[in-house]
Amino acid sequence: MVLSWKSGGILLGLVFLAAVALVKPIGVSTQFVIVDGILWNAVDPSIVTPAPGDEADFASTNAYLNKSGGAYAEEVAKPLNYGLVFVLAIIAGAGLSALVRGGVPRADRTMPAIWRANFGDAAWKRYVASFGAGFVVLYGARLAGGCTSGHMMSGMMQTALSGYIFAAGVFVVGIPAAIALFRREA
């Protein structure tokens, strides 16, 4: 079953509304930091320690993990939490979706014509470009203290000014970038 973009948009909006109403706003880029912290703490257990005093349960020698009164340090120390389970569920859901659809088609058969016209037939170029673009987006998201889902989707749903500013920035940069990258038409 393939949903139209309208049906998919409505369903996505309902999921975001349910998440905000029942748990908390959706955002996942922080979980990459938490996973890094979990791995780092496994190698060097002094990174996250029980906090002295009454303020927080855990503290970290790393300033970033110690943010928000040690909240990130606590997520590193107790990794089985909503955020990590949510990210794992995203991965599992994507895998399940691909399985139900009959697998993931080979890139050389599904590569968009506009990509071929501008960059050729090599699937590895598309993979490298996708990874690089994803890295830049994630890096920028962490610099901004959030992610695309946290800023634009959840943020705009909550009428946060930062969400609208972020969304405007995405389009102000994204449209000219797409025009520059995809000059040849399919």
C-alpha atoms as a PDB file:
ATOM      1  CA  MET A   1       0.000   0.000   0.000  1.00  0.00           C
ATOM      2  CA  VAL A   2       1.397   3.375  -1.015  1.00  0.00           C
ATOM      3  CA  LEU A   3      -0.038   6.505   0.555  1.00  0.00           C
ATOM      4  CA  SER A   4      -0.445   9.751  -1.312  1.00  0.00           C
ATOM      5  CA  TRP A   5       1.634  12.659  -0.054  1.00  0.00           C
ATOM      6  CA  LYS A   6      -1.553  14.174   1.396  1.00  0.00           C
ATOM      7  CA  SER A   7      -2.456  11.051   3.374  1.00  0.00           C
ATOM      8  CA  GLY A   8       1.149  10.640   4.512  1.00  0.00           C
ATOM      9  CA  GLY A   9       1.277  14.277   5.618  1.00  0.00           C
ATOM     10  CA  ILE A  10      -1.931  13.973   7.596  1.00  0.00           C
ATOM     11  CA  LEU A  11      -0.716  10.763   9.283  1.00  0.00           C
ATOM     12  CA  LEU A  12       2.653  12.346  10.091  1.00  0.00           C
ATOM     13  CA  GLY A  13       0.890  15.369  11.581  1.00  0.00           C
ATOM     14  CA  LEU A  14      -1.294  13.114  13.737  1.00  0.00           C
ATOM     15  CA  VAL A  15       1.764  11.194  14.968  1.00  0.00           C
ATOM     16  CA  PHE A  16       3.510  14.447  15.906  1.00  0.00           C
ATOM     17  CA  LEU A  17       0.374  15.737  17.629  1.00  0.00           C
ATOM     18  CA  ALA A  18       0.019  12.498  19.602  1.00  0.00           C
ATOM     19  CA  ALA A  19       3.706  12.576  20.579  1.00  0.00           C
ATOM     20  CA  VAL A  20       3.514  16.183  21.786  1.00  0.00           C
ATOM     21  CA  ALA A  21       0.265  15.554  23.660  1.00  0.00           C
ATOM     22  CA  LEU A  22       1.218  12.216  25.232  1.00  0.00           C
ATOM     23  CA  VAL A  23       4.996  12.183  25.711  1.00  0.00           C
ATOM     24  CA  LYS A  24       7.122  15.064  24.455  1.00  0.00           C
ATOM     25  CA  PRO A  25       8.009  16.752  21.169  1.00  0.00           C
ATOM     26  CA  ILE A  26       9.723  14.549  18.607  1.00  0.00           C
ATOM     27  CA  GLY A  27      13.409  15.101  18.004  1.00  0.00           C
ATOM     28  CA  VAL A  28      16.167  12.556  17.485  1.00  0.00           C
ATOM     29  CA  SER A  29      19.536  14.214  16.888  1.00  0.00           C
ATOM     30  CA  THR A  30      20.295  14.376  20.619  1.00  0.00           C
ATOM     31  CA  GLN A  31      20.212  10.582  20.679  1.00  0.00           C
ATOM     32  CA  PHE A  32      23.297  10.485  18.440  1.00  0.00           C
ATOM     33  CA  VAL A  33      25.112  12.447  21.146  1.00  0.00           C
ATOM     34  CA  ILE A  34      23.747  10.080  23.791  1.00  0.00           C
ATOM     35  CA  VAL A  35      24.931   7.007  21.834  1.00  0.00           C
ATOM     36  CA  ASP A  36      28.373   8.636  21.488  1.00  0.00           C
ATOM     37  CA  GLY A  37      28.336   9.219  25.246  1.00  0.00           C
ATOM     38  CA  ILE A  38      27.331   5.602  25.920  1.00  0.00           C
ATOM     39  CA  LEU A  39      30.239   4.335  23.793  1.00  0.00           C
ATOM     40  CA  TRP A  40      32.646   6.842  25.346  1.00  0.00           C
ATOM     41  CA  ASN A  41      31.521   5.935  28.873  1.00  0.00           C
ATOM     42  CA  ALA A  42      32.024   2.225  28.080  1.00  0.00           C
ATOM     43  CA  VAL A  43      35.674   2.963  27.252  1.00  0.00           C
ATOM     44  CA  ASP A  44      36.197   5.548  30.025  1.00  0.00           C
ATOM     45  CA  PRO A  45      33.741   5.083  32.920  1.00  0.00           C
ATOM     46  CA  SER A  46      34.838   8.355  34.519  1.00  0.00           C
ATOM     47  CA  ILE A  47      32.917  10.376  31.900  1.00  0.00           C
ATOM     48  CA  VAL A  48      29.564   9.917  33.678  1.00  0.00           C
ATOM     49  CA  THR A  49      29.439   9.502  37.439  1.00  0.00           C
ATOM     50  CA  PRO A  50      26.827   9.825  40.166  1.00  0.00           C
ATOM     51  CA  ALA A  51      26.421  13.522  40.944  1.00  0.00           C
ATOM     52  CA  PRO A  52      27.471  14.870  44.307  1.00  0.00           C
ATOM     53  CA  GLY A  53      24.708  16.754  46.096  1.00  0.00           C
ATOM     54  CA  ASP A  54      20.988  16.978  45.464  1.00  0.00           C
ATOM     55  CA  GLU A  55      20.795  18.775  42.078  1.00  0.00           C
ATOM     56  CA  ALA A  56      21.069  15.853  39.659  1.00  0.00           C
ATOM     57  CA  ASP A  57      21.435  12.099  39.721  1.00  0.00           C
ATOM     58  CA  PHE A  58      24.411  12.072  37.320  1.00  0.00           C
ATOM     59  CA  ALA A  59      27.168  14.439  36.231  1.00  0.00           C
ATOM     60  CA  SER A  60      29.799  14.377  33.519  1.00  0.00           C
ATOM     61  CA  THR A  61      33.269  15.767  33.097  1.00  0.00           C
ATOM     62  CA  ASN A  62      32.178  16.604  29.541  1.00  0.00           C
ATOM     63  CA  ALA A  63      30.431  20.005  29.498  1.00  0.00           C
ATOM     64  CA  TYR A  64      27.971  18.996  26.782  1.00  0.00           C
ATOM     65  CA  LEU A  65      26.836  15.835  28.574  1.00  0.00           C
ATOM     66  CA  ASN A  66      26.556  17.833  31.787  1.00  0.00           C
ATOM     67  CA  LYS A  67      24.076  20.273  30.173  1.00  0.00           C
ATOM     68  CA  SER A  68      20.574  20.702  31.545  1.00  0.00           C
ATOM     69  CA  GLY A  69      21.539  19.779  35.069  1.00  0.00           C
ATOM     70  CA  GLY A  70      23.113  16.492  34.024  1.00  0.00           C
ATOM     71  CA  ALA A  71      20.101  15.295  31.995  1.00  0.00           C
ATOM     72  CA  TYR A  72      22.278  14.058  29.108  1.00  0.00           C
ATOM     73  CA  ALA A  73      24.667  12.398  31.562  1.00  0.00           C
ATOM     74  CA  GLU A  74      21.694  10.580  33.082  1.00  0.00           C
ATOM     75  CA  GLU A  75      20.593   9.372  29.624  1.00  0.00           C
ATOM     76  CA  VAL A  76      24.122   8.033  29.068  1.00  0.00           C
ATOM     77  CA  ALA A  77      24.094   6.272  32.441  1.00  0.00           C
ATOM     78  CA  LYS A  78      20.541   4.937  31.929  1.00  0.00           C
ATOM     79  CA  PRO A  79      20.311   4.458  28.150  1.00  0.00           C
ATOM     80  CA  LEU A  80      17.015   2.581  28.032  1.00  0.00           C
ATOM     81  CA  ASN A  81      14.810   5.676  27.782  1.00  0.00           C
ATOM     82  CA  TYR A  82      12.134   7.122  25.511  1.00  0.00           C
ATOM     83  CA  GLY A  83      14.603   8.844  23.155  1.00  0.00           C
ATOM     84  CA  LEU A  84      16.768   5.820  22.450  1.00  0.00           C
ATOM     85  CA  VAL A  85      13.782   3.475  22.145  1.00  0.00           C
ATOM     86  CA  PHE A  86      12.193   5.992  19.727  1.00  0.00           C
ATOM     87  CA  VAL A  87      15.289   6.054  17.497  1.00  0.00           C
ATOM     88  CA  LEU A  88      15.533   2.261  17.507  1.00  0.00           C
ATOM     89  CA  ALA A  89      11.822   2.110  16.636  1.00  0.00           C
ATOM     90  CA  ILE A  90      12.437   4.450  13.670  1.00  0.00           C
ATOM     91  CA  ILE A  91      15.111   2.075  12.359  1.00  0.00           C
ATOM     92  CA  ALA A  92      12.942  -1.003  12.983  1.00  0.00           C
ATOM     93  CA  GLY A  93       9.937   0.691  11.356  1.00  0.00           C
ATOM     94  CA  ALA A  94      11.955   1.560   8.256  1.00  0.00           C
ATOM     95  CA  GLY A  95      13.172  -2.027   8.022  1.00  0.00           C
ATOM     96  CA  LEU A  96       9.660  -3.383   8.476  1.00  0.00           C
ATOM     97  CA  SER A  97       8.327  -1.015   5.832  1.00  0.00           C
ATOM     98  CA  ALA A  98      10.985  -2.165   3.345  1.00  0.00           C
ATOM     99  CA  LEU A  99      10.208  -5.796   4.153  1.00  0.00           C
ATOM    100  CA  VAL A 100       6.463  -5.314   3.652  1.00  0.00           C
ATOM    101  CA  ARG A 101       7.101  -3.528   0.327  1.00  0.00           C
ATOM    102  CA  GLY A 102       9.183  -6.462  -0.860  1.00  0.00           C
ATOM    103  CA  GLY A 103      12.690  -5.221  -0.114  1.00  0.00           C
ATOM    104  CA  VAL A 104      14.778  -2.251  -1.110  1.00  0.00           C
ATOM    105  CA  PRO A 105      15.180  -1.868  -4.883  1.00  0.00           C
ATOM    106  CA  ARG A 106      18.691  -1.632  -6.280  1.00  0.00           C
ATOM    107  CA  ALA A 107      19.908   1.940  -6.620  1.00  0.00           C
ATOM    108  CA  ASP A 108      20.803   1.556 -10.293  1.00  0.00           C
ATOM    109  CA  ARG A 109      17.150   0.794 -11.093  1.00  0.00           C
ATOM    110  CA  THR A 110      15.569   3.478  -8.933  1.00  0.00           C
ATOM    111  CA  MET A 111      17.972   6.371  -9.314  1.00  0.00           C
ATOM    112  CA  PRO A 112      16.007   9.484 -10.296  1.00  0.00           C
ATOM    113  CA  ALA A 113      16.508  10.648 -13.847  1.00  0.00           C
ATOM    114  CA  ILE A 114      17.469  14.148 -12.682  1.00  0.00           C
ATOM    115  CA  TRP A 115      20.320  12.656 -10.606  1.00  0.00           C
ATOM    116  CA  ARG A 116      21.541  10.652 -13.616  1.00  0.00           C
ATOM    117  CA  ALA A 117      21.413  13.753 -15.839  1.00  0.00           C
ATOM    118  CA  ASN A 118      23.556  15.769 -13.414  1.00  0.00           C
ATOM    119  CA  PHE A 119      25.866  13.223 -11.795  1.00  0.00           C
ATOM    120  CA  GLY A 120      25.837  10.052 -13.896  1.00  0.00           C
ATOM    121  CA  ASP A 121      24.874   6.454 -13.202  1.00  0.00           C
ATOM    122  CA  ALA A 122      27.305   5.588 -10.387  1.00  0.00           C
ATOM    123  CA  ALA A 123      25.289   4.585  -7.324  1.00  0.00           C
ATOM    124  CA  TRP A 124      28.326   5.117  -5.058  1.00  0.00           C
ATOM    125  CA  LYS A 125      28.263   8.857  -5.887  1.00  0.00           C
ATOM    126  CA  ARG A 126      24.686   9.066  -4.671  1.00  0.00           C
ATOM    127  CA  TYR A 127      25.526   7.165  -1.483  1.00  0.00           C
ATOM    128  CA  VAL A 128      28.514   9.418  -0.768  1.00  0.00           C
ATOM    129  CA  ALA A 129      26.466  12.555  -1.474  1.00  0.00           C
ATOM    130  CA  SER A 130      23.614  11.322   0.744  1.00  0.00           C
ATOM    131  CA  PHE A 131      25.975  10.476   3.602  1.00  0.00           C
ATOM    132  CA  GLY A 132      27.786  13.808   3.284  1.00  0.00           C
ATOM    133  CA  ALA A 133      24.549  15.782   3.184  1.00  0.00           C
ATOM    134  CA  GLY A 134      23.203  13.874   6.180  1.00  0.00           C
ATOM    135  CA  PHE A 135      26.411  14.568   8.102  1.00  0.00           C
ATOM    136  CA  VAL A 136      26.215  18.304   7.347  1.00  0.00           C
ATOM    137  CA  VAL A 137      22.548  18.436   8.407  1.00  0.00           C
ATOM    138  CA  LEU A 138      23.237  16.550  11.638  1.00  0.00           C
ATOM    139  CA  TYR A 139      26.287  18.687  12.426  1.00  0.00           C
ATOM    140  CA  GLY A 140      24.298  21.873  11.826  1.00  0.00           C
ATOM    141  CA  ALA A 141      21.413  20.529  13.871  1.00  0.00           C
ATOM    142  CA  ARG A 142      23.662  19.916  16.848  1.00  0.00           C
ATOM    143  CA  LEU A 143      25.150  23.414  16.499  1.00  0.00           C
ATOM    144  CA  ALA A 144      21.598  24.789  16.566  1.00  0.00           C
ATOM    145  CA  GLY A 145      20.688  22.654  19.580  1.00  0.00           C
ATOM    146  CA  GLY A 146      18.097  20.515  17.814  1.00  0.00           C
ATOM    147  CA  CYS A 147      17.275  18.753  14.599  1.00  0.00           C
ATOM    148  CA  THR A 148      15.003  19.136  11.614  1.00  0.00           C
ATOM    149  CA  SER A 149      12.185  17.238  13.279  1.00  0.00           C
ATOM    150  CA  GLY A 150      12.685  19.054  16.581  1.00  0.00           C
ATOM    151  CA  HIS A 151      13.001  22.544  15.115  1.00  0.00           C
ATOM    152  CA  MET A 152      10.775  22.533  12.076  1.00  0.00           C
ATOM    153  CA  MET A 153       8.137  19.889  12.620  1.00  0.00           C
ATOM    154  CA  SER A 154       7.675  19.815  16.391  1.00  0.00           C
ATOM    155  CA  GLY A 155       8.740  23.430  16.792  1.00  0.00           C
ATOM    156  CA  MET A 156       6.259  24.799  14.272  1.00  0.00           C
ATOM    157  CA  MET A 157       3.496  22.613  15.709  1.00  0.00           C
ATOM    158  CA  GLN A 158       4.144  24.267  19.069  1.00  0.00           C
ATOM    159  CA  THR A 159       4.294  27.713  17.371  1.00  0.00           C
ATOM    160  CA  ALA A 160       7.900  28.211  18.477  1.00  0.00           C
ATOM    161  CA  LEU A 161       9.525  31.193  16.763  1.00  0.00           C
ATOM    162  CA  SER A 162      12.762  29.189  16.379  1.00  0.00           C
ATOM    163  CA  GLY A 163      10.827  26.555  14.394  1.00  0.00           C
ATOM    164  CA  TYR A 164       9.596  29.134  11.894  1.00  0.00           C
ATOM    165  CA  ILE A 165      13.043  30.733  11.599  1.00  0.00           C
ATOM    166  CA  PHE A 166      14.617  27.315  11.025  1.00  0.00           C
ATOM    167  CA  ALA A 167      11.997  26.384   8.390  1.00  0.00           C
ATOM    168  CA  ALA A 168      12.581  29.667   6.557  1.00  0.00           C
ATOM    169  CA  GLY A 169      16.342  29.025   6.657  1.00  0.00           C
ATOM    170  CA  VAL A 170      15.885  25.532   5.223  1.00  0.00           C
ATOM    171  CA  PHE A 171      14.025  26.871   2.210  1.00  0.00           C
ATOM    172  CA  VAL A 172      16.222  29.964   1.760  1.00  0.00           C
ATOM    173  CA  VAL A 173      19.299  27.708   1.535  1.00  0.00           C
ATOM    174  CA  GLY A 174      17.731  24.523   0.107  1.00  0.00           C
ATOM    175  CA  ILE A 175      16.049  25.963  -2.973  1.00  0.00           C
ATOM    176  CA  PRO A 176      19.123  27.781  -4.350  1.00  0.00           C
ATOM    177  CA  ALA A 177      21.295  24.753  -3.509  1.00  0.00           C
ATOM    178  CA  ALA A 178      18.959  22.439  -5.449  1.00  0.00           C
ATOM    179  CA  ILE A 179      18.894  24.848  -8.393  1.00  0.00           C
ATOM    180  CA  ALA A 180      22.709  25.023  -8.407  1.00  0.00           C
ATOM    181  CA  LEU A 181      23.207  21.251  -8.070  1.00  0.00           C
ATOM    182  CA  PHE A 182      20.551  20.113 -10.532  1.00  0.00           C
ATOM    183  CA  ARG A 183      21.072  22.450 -13.494  1.00  0.00           C
ATOM    184  CA  ARG A 184      20.443  19.795 -16.150  1.00  0.00           C
ATOM    185  CA  GLU A 185      16.894  18.610 -16.489  1.00  0.00           C
ATOM    186  CA  ALA A 186      16.063  14.939 -16.831  1.00  0.00           C
END
